[in-house]
């Protein structure tokens, strides 16, 4: 793996609003540069290791909804510390055993350089057991959401779909999304900024529904 990731960058955990560290790496779809995806959303998700049960269940689920993400201009991008040959063997086994083809690329990260740069694991870790994070990166390369899970708990694909939809609705319509928001439901207007606007809005000024755009 090559690219502008430096050792120093790994000492500062990434936050929402940071620029996603660029990198070049081998993947199951060939050599890949993260910045080549500018103009598209990216969901970068890491897993502890190939051939592990929870990760296998997740990859099968991701494969079945890949079209959902692609139709919303979002690229799914898997990553683990395992080697490219291990990735290829794993996705071949998934297709043979479960009749599911994995349509998105998986990045190899044997040096754990990408995982450390993204704060997915401790700098002193000797293996990838703690790598289990999700990063939503917007079309300009900015991190818009970060989610982390323990190795023992599978991610909710439905929640990740909802997250993408919410991020895109916020971007498209200049709104906020309330608890449990689903596409098509009413959003929330941004906070009012002046005393005049608060008085005009009435007693519910701090929670103003806003109809979604058609």
C-alpha atoms as a PDB file:
ATOM      1  CA  UNK A   1       0.000   0.000   0.000  1.00  0.00           C
ATOM      2  CA  UNK A   2       1.236   3.459  -0.866  1.00  0.00           C
ATOM      3  CA  UNK A   3      -0.175   6.963  -0.580  1.00  0.00           C
ATOM      4  CA  UNK A   4      -0.085  10.047   1.636  1.00  0.00           C
ATOM      5  CA  UNK A   5      -0.772   8.123   4.862  1.00  0.00           C
ATOM      6  CA  UNK A   6       2.070   8.826   7.293  1.00  0.00           C
ATOM      7  CA  UNK A   7       3.024   7.363  10.652  1.00  0.00           C
ATOM      8  CA  UNK A   8       2.130  10.627  12.362  1.00  0.00           C
ATOM      9  CA  UNK A   9      -1.398  10.570  10.915  1.00  0.00           C
ATOM     10  CA  UNK A  10      -2.173   7.412  12.876  1.00  0.00           C
ATOM     11  CA  UNK A  11      -1.656   9.188  16.225  1.00  0.00           C
ATOM     12  CA  UNK A  12      -4.707  11.395  15.720  1.00  0.00           C
ATOM     13  CA  UNK A  13      -8.056   9.586  15.574  1.00  0.00           C
ATOM     14  CA  UNK A  14     -10.243  10.613  12.683  1.00  0.00           C
ATOM     15  CA  UNK A  15     -13.400  12.573  13.388  1.00  0.00           C
ATOM     16  CA  UNK A  16     -16.515  13.408  11.447  1.00  0.00           C
ATOM     17  CA  UNK A  17     -15.624  16.296   9.147  1.00  0.00           C
ATOM     18  CA  UNK A  18     -12.019  15.175   8.597  1.00  0.00           C
ATOM     19  CA  UNK A  19     -10.678  14.425   5.146  1.00  0.00           C
ATOM     20  CA  UNK A  20     -10.433  10.683   4.592  1.00  0.00           C
ATOM     21  CA  UNK A  21      -6.778   9.605   4.298  1.00  0.00           C
ATOM     22  CA  UNK A  22      -6.018   8.642   0.732  1.00  0.00           C
ATOM     23  CA  UNK A  23      -4.361   5.320  -0.020  1.00  0.00           C
ATOM     24  CA  UNK A  24      -3.397   3.003  -2.850  1.00  0.00           C
ATOM     25  CA  UNK A  25      -3.786  -0.730  -2.332  1.00  0.00           C
ATOM     26  CA  UNK A  26      -4.444  -4.053  -4.007  1.00  0.00           C
ATOM     27  CA  UNK A  27      -8.039  -5.237  -4.008  1.00  0.00           C
ATOM     28  CA  UNK A  28     -10.049  -8.145  -5.363  1.00  0.00           C
ATOM     29  CA  UNK A  29     -10.917  -5.850  -8.308  1.00  0.00           C
ATOM     30  CA  UNK A  30      -7.325  -4.788  -9.010  1.00  0.00           C
ATOM     31  CA  UNK A  31      -5.160  -1.907  -7.822  1.00  0.00           C
ATOM     32  CA  UNK A  32      -7.182   0.860  -6.272  1.00  0.00           C
ATOM     33  CA  UNK A  33      -6.763   4.516  -5.241  1.00  0.00           C
ATOM     34  CA  UNK A  34      -9.349   5.851  -2.799  1.00  0.00           C
ATOM     35  CA  UNK A  35      -9.279   9.372  -4.251  1.00  0.00           C
ATOM     36  CA  UNK A  36     -10.277   7.936  -7.643  1.00  0.00           C
ATOM     37  CA  UNK A  37     -13.797   7.727  -6.201  1.00  0.00           C
ATOM     38  CA  UNK A  38     -14.188  11.489  -5.772  1.00  0.00           C
ATOM     39  CA  UNK A  39     -17.678  12.423  -6.934  1.00  0.00           C
ATOM     40  CA  UNK A  40     -19.188   9.302  -5.353  1.00  0.00           C
ATOM     41  CA  UNK A  41     -20.083   8.296  -1.811  1.00  0.00           C
ATOM     42  CA  UNK A  42     -17.979   5.534  -0.269  1.00  0.00           C
ATOM     43  CA  UNK A  43     -18.831   3.170   2.562  1.00  0.00           C
ATOM     44  CA  UNK A  44     -15.496   1.808   3.786  1.00  0.00           C
ATOM     45  CA  UNK A  45     -16.045  -1.073   6.194  1.00  0.00           C
ATOM     46  CA  UNK A  46     -13.417  -3.198   7.912  1.00  0.00           C
ATOM     47  CA  UNK A  47     -13.657  -6.727   9.269  1.00  0.00           C
ATOM     48  CA  UNK A  48     -11.301  -8.676  11.564  1.00  0.00           C
ATOM     49  CA  UNK A  49     -10.463 -11.538   9.212  1.00  0.00           C
ATOM     50  CA  UNK A  50     -11.616 -13.569   6.234  1.00  0.00           C
ATOM     51  CA  UNK A  51     -13.528 -16.813   6.824  1.00  0.00           C
ATOM     52  CA  UNK A  52     -14.889 -15.588  10.171  1.00  0.00           C
ATOM     53  CA  UNK A  53     -18.591 -16.355  10.781  1.00  0.00           C
ATOM     54  CA  UNK A  54     -19.914 -12.878  11.599  1.00  0.00           C
ATOM     55  CA  UNK A  55     -18.041 -11.277   8.696  1.00  0.00           C
ATOM     56  CA  UNK A  56     -19.244 -13.942   6.289  1.00  0.00           C
ATOM     57  CA  UNK A  57     -22.856 -13.265   7.289  1.00  0.00           C
ATOM     58  CA  UNK A  58     -22.294  -9.541   6.772  1.00  0.00           C
ATOM     59  CA  UNK A  59     -20.682  -9.909   3.371  1.00  0.00           C
ATOM     60  CA  UNK A  60     -23.531 -12.092   2.159  1.00  0.00           C
ATOM     61  CA  UNK A  61     -25.974  -9.416   3.338  1.00  0.00           C
ATOM     62  CA  UNK A  62     -23.961  -6.582   1.784  1.00  0.00           C
ATOM     63  CA  UNK A  63     -23.807  -8.440  -1.521  1.00  0.00           C
ATOM     64  CA  UNK A  64     -27.588  -8.759  -1.610  1.00  0.00           C
ATOM     65  CA  UNK A  65     -28.117  -4.998  -1.191  1.00  0.00           C
ATOM     66  CA  UNK A  66     -25.149  -3.736  -3.228  1.00  0.00           C
ATOM     67  CA  UNK A  67     -27.578  -2.477  -5.874  1.00  0.00           C
ATOM     68  CA  UNK A  68     -29.218  -0.224  -3.253  1.00  0.00           C
ATOM     69  CA  UNK A  69     -25.917   1.512  -2.607  1.00  0.00           C
ATOM     70  CA  UNK A  70     -24.876   1.643  -6.256  1.00  0.00           C
ATOM     71  CA  UNK A  71     -28.180   3.273  -7.262  1.00  0.00           C
ATOM     72  CA  UNK A  72     -27.459   5.968  -4.670  1.00  0.00           C
ATOM     73  CA  UNK A  73     -23.990   6.653  -6.058  1.00  0.00           C
ATOM     74  CA  UNK A  74     -22.260   4.861  -3.176  1.00  0.00           C
ATOM     75  CA  UNK A  75     -19.388   2.398  -3.523  1.00  0.00           C
ATOM     76  CA  UNK A  76     -19.057  -0.420  -0.997  1.00  0.00           C
ATOM     77  CA  UNK A  77     -15.424  -1.022  -0.070  1.00  0.00           C
ATOM     78  CA  UNK A  78     -14.393  -3.831   2.293  1.00  0.00           C
ATOM     79  CA  UNK A  79     -11.038  -4.023   4.073  1.00  0.00           C
ATOM     80  CA  UNK A  80      -9.107  -6.398   6.295  1.00  0.00           C
ATOM     81  CA  UNK A  81      -5.515  -7.197   7.193  1.00  0.00           C
ATOM     82  CA  UNK A  82      -5.695 -10.482   5.310  1.00  0.00           C
ATOM     83  CA  UNK A  83      -3.829 -10.852   2.031  1.00  0.00           C
ATOM     84  CA  UNK A  84      -5.306 -10.598  -1.427  1.00  0.00           C
ATOM     85  CA  UNK A  85      -5.036 -14.396  -1.983  1.00  0.00           C
ATOM     86  CA  UNK A  86      -7.000 -14.928   1.255  1.00  0.00           C
ATOM     87  CA  UNK A  87      -9.669 -12.458   0.108  1.00  0.00           C
ATOM     88  CA  UNK A  88      -9.977 -14.245  -3.229  1.00  0.00           C
ATOM     89  CA  UNK A  89     -10.221 -17.660  -1.566  1.00  0.00           C
ATOM     90  CA  UNK A  90     -12.893 -16.381   0.830  1.00  0.00           C
ATOM     91  CA  UNK A  91     -15.166 -14.798  -1.749  1.00  0.00           C
ATOM     92  CA  UNK A  92     -14.789 -17.875  -3.952  1.00  0.00           C
ATOM     93  CA  UNK A  93     -15.856 -20.064  -1.026  1.00  0.00           C
ATOM     94  CA  UNK A  94     -18.847 -17.793  -0.332  1.00  0.00           C
ATOM     95  CA  UNK A  95     -19.980 -18.107  -3.934  1.00  0.00           C
ATOM     96  CA  UNK A  96     -19.483 -21.872  -3.986  1.00  0.00           C
ATOM     97  CA  UNK A  97     -21.061 -22.579  -0.595  1.00  0.00           C
ATOM     98  CA  UNK A  98     -23.823 -19.966  -0.455  1.00  0.00           C
ATOM     99  CA  UNK A  99     -24.357 -19.091  -4.122  1.00  0.00           C
ATOM    100  CA  UNK A 100     -23.672 -15.414  -3.429  1.00  0.00           C
ATOM    101  CA  UNK A 101     -21.228 -13.425  -5.535  1.00  0.00           C
ATOM    102  CA  UNK A 102     -19.430 -10.574  -3.761  1.00  0.00           C
ATOM    103  CA  UNK A 103     -19.704  -7.665  -6.247  1.00  0.00           C
ATOM    104  CA  UNK A 104     -17.661  -5.029  -4.398  1.00  0.00           C
ATOM    105  CA  UNK A 105     -13.864  -4.812  -3.931  1.00  0.00           C
ATOM    106  CA  UNK A 106     -12.061  -5.919  -0.771  1.00  0.00           C
ATOM    107  CA  UNK A 107      -8.819  -4.137   0.129  1.00  0.00           C
ATOM    108  CA  UNK A 108      -5.843  -6.047   1.515  1.00  0.00           C
ATOM    109  CA  UNK A 109      -4.067  -4.350   4.422  1.00  0.00           C
ATOM    110  CA  UNK A 110      -1.427  -6.821   5.696  1.00  0.00           C
ATOM    111  CA  UNK A 111       0.699  -4.039   7.204  1.00  0.00           C
ATOM    112  CA  UNK A 112      -2.432  -2.662   8.956  1.00  0.00           C
ATOM    113  CA  UNK A 113      -1.339   0.767   7.757  1.00  0.00           C
ATOM    114  CA  UNK A 114      -4.780   1.759   6.510  1.00  0.00           C
ATOM    115  CA  UNK A 115      -6.475   0.406   9.644  1.00  0.00           C
ATOM    116  CA  UNK A 116      -4.156   2.423  11.873  1.00  0.00           C
ATOM    117  CA  UNK A 117      -4.466   5.588   9.762  1.00  0.00           C
ATOM    118  CA  UNK A 118      -8.246   5.390  10.113  1.00  0.00           C
ATOM    119  CA  UNK A 119      -8.023   4.728  13.862  1.00  0.00           C
ATOM    120  CA  UNK A 120      -9.598   1.293  13.526  1.00  0.00           C
ATOM    121  CA  UNK A 121      -7.112  -0.241  15.943  1.00  0.00           C
ATOM    122  CA  UNK A 122      -4.473   0.570  18.519  1.00  0.00           C
ATOM    123  CA  UNK A 123      -1.035   1.531  17.237  1.00  0.00           C
ATOM    124  CA  UNK A 124       0.557  -1.235  19.314  1.00  0.00           C
ATOM    125  CA  UNK A 125      -1.827  -3.987  18.184  1.00  0.00           C
ATOM    126  CA  UNK A 126      -0.109  -6.986  16.624  1.00  0.00           C
ATOM    127  CA  UNK A 127      -3.169  -8.386  14.870  1.00  0.00           C
ATOM    128  CA  UNK A 128      -6.379  -7.116  13.311  1.00  0.00           C
ATOM    129  CA  UNK A 129      -8.843  -8.474  15.868  1.00  0.00           C
ATOM    130  CA  UNK A 130     -10.140  -5.018  16.799  1.00  0.00           C
ATOM    131  CA  UNK A 131     -10.732  -3.838  13.234  1.00  0.00           C
ATOM    132  CA  UNK A 132     -14.502  -3.470  12.807  1.00  0.00           C
ATOM    133  CA  UNK A 133     -15.435   0.040  11.725  1.00  0.00           C
ATOM    134  CA  UNK A 134     -17.545   1.773   9.102  1.00  0.00           C
ATOM    135  CA  UNK A 135     -16.715   5.122   7.493  1.00  0.00           C
ATOM    136  CA  UNK A 136     -19.121   7.020   5.244  1.00  0.00           C
ATOM    137  CA  UNK A 137     -17.097   9.304   2.959  1.00  0.00           C
ATOM    138  CA  UNK A 138     -18.887  11.934   0.891  1.00  0.00           C
ATOM    139  CA  UNK A 139     -18.149  12.786  -2.773  1.00  0.00           C
ATOM    140  CA  UNK A 140     -15.615  15.447  -1.755  1.00  0.00           C
ATOM    141  CA  UNK A 141     -13.610  12.996   0.369  1.00  0.00           C
ATOM    142  CA  UNK A 142     -14.905  14.152   3.769  1.00  0.00           C
ATOM    143  CA  UNK A 143     -15.864  11.665   6.489  1.00  0.00           C
ATOM    144  CA  UNK A 144     -19.534  12.133   7.320  1.00  0.00           C
ATOM    145  CA  UNK A 145     -20.184   9.261   9.755  1.00  0.00           C
ATOM    146  CA  UNK A 146     -18.153   6.739  11.767  1.00  0.00           C
ATOM    147  CA  UNK A 147     -19.529   3.588  13.378  1.00  0.00           C
ATOM    148  CA  UNK A 148     -17.610   0.976  15.394  1.00  0.00           C
ATOM    149  CA  UNK A 149     -18.650  -2.505  16.470  1.00  0.00           C
ATOM    150  CA  UNK A 150     -17.133  -5.290  18.581  1.00  0.00           C
ATOM    151  CA  UNK A 151     -15.995  -8.402  16.735  1.00  0.00           C
ATOM    152  CA  UNK A 152     -18.804 -10.448  18.271  1.00  0.00           C
ATOM    153  CA  UNK A 153     -21.750  -8.324  17.065  1.00  0.00           C
ATOM    154  CA  UNK A 154     -22.810  -8.188  13.423  1.00  0.00           C
ATOM    155  CA  UNK A 155     -23.572  -4.870  11.816  1.00  0.00           C
ATOM    156  CA  UNK A 156     -27.120  -3.989  10.772  1.00  0.00           C
ATOM    157  CA  UNK A 157     -27.196  -3.622   7.007  1.00  0.00           C
ATOM    158  CA  UNK A 158     -30.607  -1.960   7.253  1.00  0.00           C
ATOM    159  CA  UNK A 159     -29.170   0.703   9.571  1.00  0.00           C
ATOM    160  CA  UNK A 160     -26.269   1.353   7.195  1.00  0.00           C
ATOM    161  CA  UNK A 161     -28.754   1.803   4.359  1.00  0.00           C
ATOM    162  CA  UNK A 162     -30.723   4.217   6.531  1.00  0.00           C
ATOM    163  CA  UNK A 163     -27.550   6.101   7.413  1.00  0.00           C
ATOM    164  CA  UNK A 164     -26.664   6.655   3.769  1.00  0.00           C
ATOM    165  CA  UNK A 165     -30.206   7.779   2.957  1.00  0.00           C
ATOM    166  CA  UNK A 166     -30.195  10.200   5.899  1.00  0.00           C
ATOM    167  CA  UNK A 167     -26.796  11.662   5.008  1.00  0.00           C
ATOM    168  CA  UNK A 168     -27.901  12.211   1.432  1.00  0.00           C
ATOM    169  CA  UNK A 169     -31.230  13.746   2.486  1.00  0.00           C
ATOM    170  CA  UNK A 170     -29.450  16.160   4.811  1.00  0.00           C
ATOM    171  CA  UNK A 171     -27.088  17.115   1.994  1.00  0.00           C
ATOM    172  CA  UNK A 172     -29.815  17.441  -0.619  1.00  0.00           C
ATOM    173  CA  UNK A 173     -32.489  19.294   1.360  1.00  0.00           C
ATOM    174  CA  UNK A 174     -30.582  21.213   4.074  1.00  0.00           C
ATOM    175  CA  UNK A 175     -32.526  19.499   6.854  1.00  0.00           C
ATOM    176  CA  UNK A 176     -31.891  17.373   9.927  1.00  0.00           C
ATOM    177  CA  UNK A 177     -33.313  13.885  10.403  1.00  0.00           C
ATOM    178  CA  UNK A 178     -35.119  12.902  13.629  1.00  0.00           C
ATOM    179  CA  UNK A 179     -34.839   9.690  15.619  1.00  0.00           C
ATOM    180  CA  UNK A 180     -35.566   6.623  13.523  1.00  0.00           C
ATOM    181  CA  UNK A 181     -36.037   8.649  10.344  1.00  0.00           C
ATOM    182  CA  UNK A 182     -36.770   6.666   7.191  1.00  0.00           C
ATOM    183  CA  UNK A 183     -36.807   7.870   3.570  1.00  0.00           C
ATOM    184  CA  UNK A 184     -40.085   9.572   2.726  1.00  0.00           C
ATOM    185  CA  UNK A 185     -40.764  10.677   6.294  1.00  0.00           C
ATOM    186  CA  UNK A 186     -40.764  14.263   7.499  1.00  0.00           C
ATOM    187  CA  UNK A 187     -37.388  15.702   8.425  1.00  0.00           C
ATOM    188  CA  UNK A 188     -36.605  18.548  10.848  1.00  0.00           C
ATOM    189  CA  UNK A 189     -35.781  22.151  10.019  1.00  0.00           C
ATOM    190  CA  UNK A 190     -32.314  23.382  11.059  1.00  0.00           C
ATOM    191  CA  UNK A 191     -32.132  25.311  14.371  1.00  0.00           C
ATOM    192  CA  UNK A 192     -33.421  28.859  14.269  1.00  0.00           C
ATOM    193  CA  UNK A 193     -30.739  31.500  14.624  1.00  0.00           C
ATOM    194  CA  UNK A 194     -32.534  34.711  15.618  1.00  0.00           C
ATOM    195  CA  UNK A 195     -34.978  35.854  18.280  1.00  0.00           C
ATOM    196  CA  UNK A 196     -37.352  37.073  15.562  1.00  0.00           C
ATOM    197  CA  UNK A 197     -37.420  33.639  13.926  1.00  0.00           C
ATOM    198  CA  UNK A 198     -38.048  31.926  17.280  1.00  0.00           C
ATOM    199  CA  UNK A 199     -40.971  34.246  18.100  1.00  0.00           C
ATOM    200  CA  UNK A 200     -42.456  33.763  14.649  1.00  0.00           C
ATOM    201  CA  UNK A 201     -42.233  29.962  14.865  1.00  0.00           C
ATOM    202  CA  UNK A 202     -44.166  29.740  18.127  1.00  0.00           C
ATOM    203  CA  UNK A 203     -43.752  27.459  21.180  1.00  0.00           C
ATOM    204  CA  UNK A 204     -42.447  24.520  19.183  1.00  0.00           C
ATOM    205  CA  UNK A 205     -39.647  26.598  17.664  1.00  0.00           C
ATOM    206  CA  UNK A 206     -36.961  24.100  18.746  1.00  0.00           C
ATOM    207  CA  UNK A 207     -38.538  21.145  16.875  1.00  0.00           C
ATOM    208  CA  UNK A 208     -40.023  22.140  13.545  1.00  0.00           C
ATOM    209  CA  UNK A 209     -41.004  19.332  11.135  1.00  0.00           C
ATOM    210  CA  UNK A 210     -40.135  19.858   7.498  1.00  0.00           C
ATOM    211  CA  UNK A 211     -41.801  17.950   4.690  1.00  0.00           C
ATOM    212  CA  UNK A 212     -39.414  15.968   2.477  1.00  0.00           C
ATOM    213  CA  UNK A 213     -38.785  17.133  -1.038  1.00  0.00           C
ATOM    214  CA  UNK A 214     -40.614  15.106  -3.711  1.00  0.00           C
END
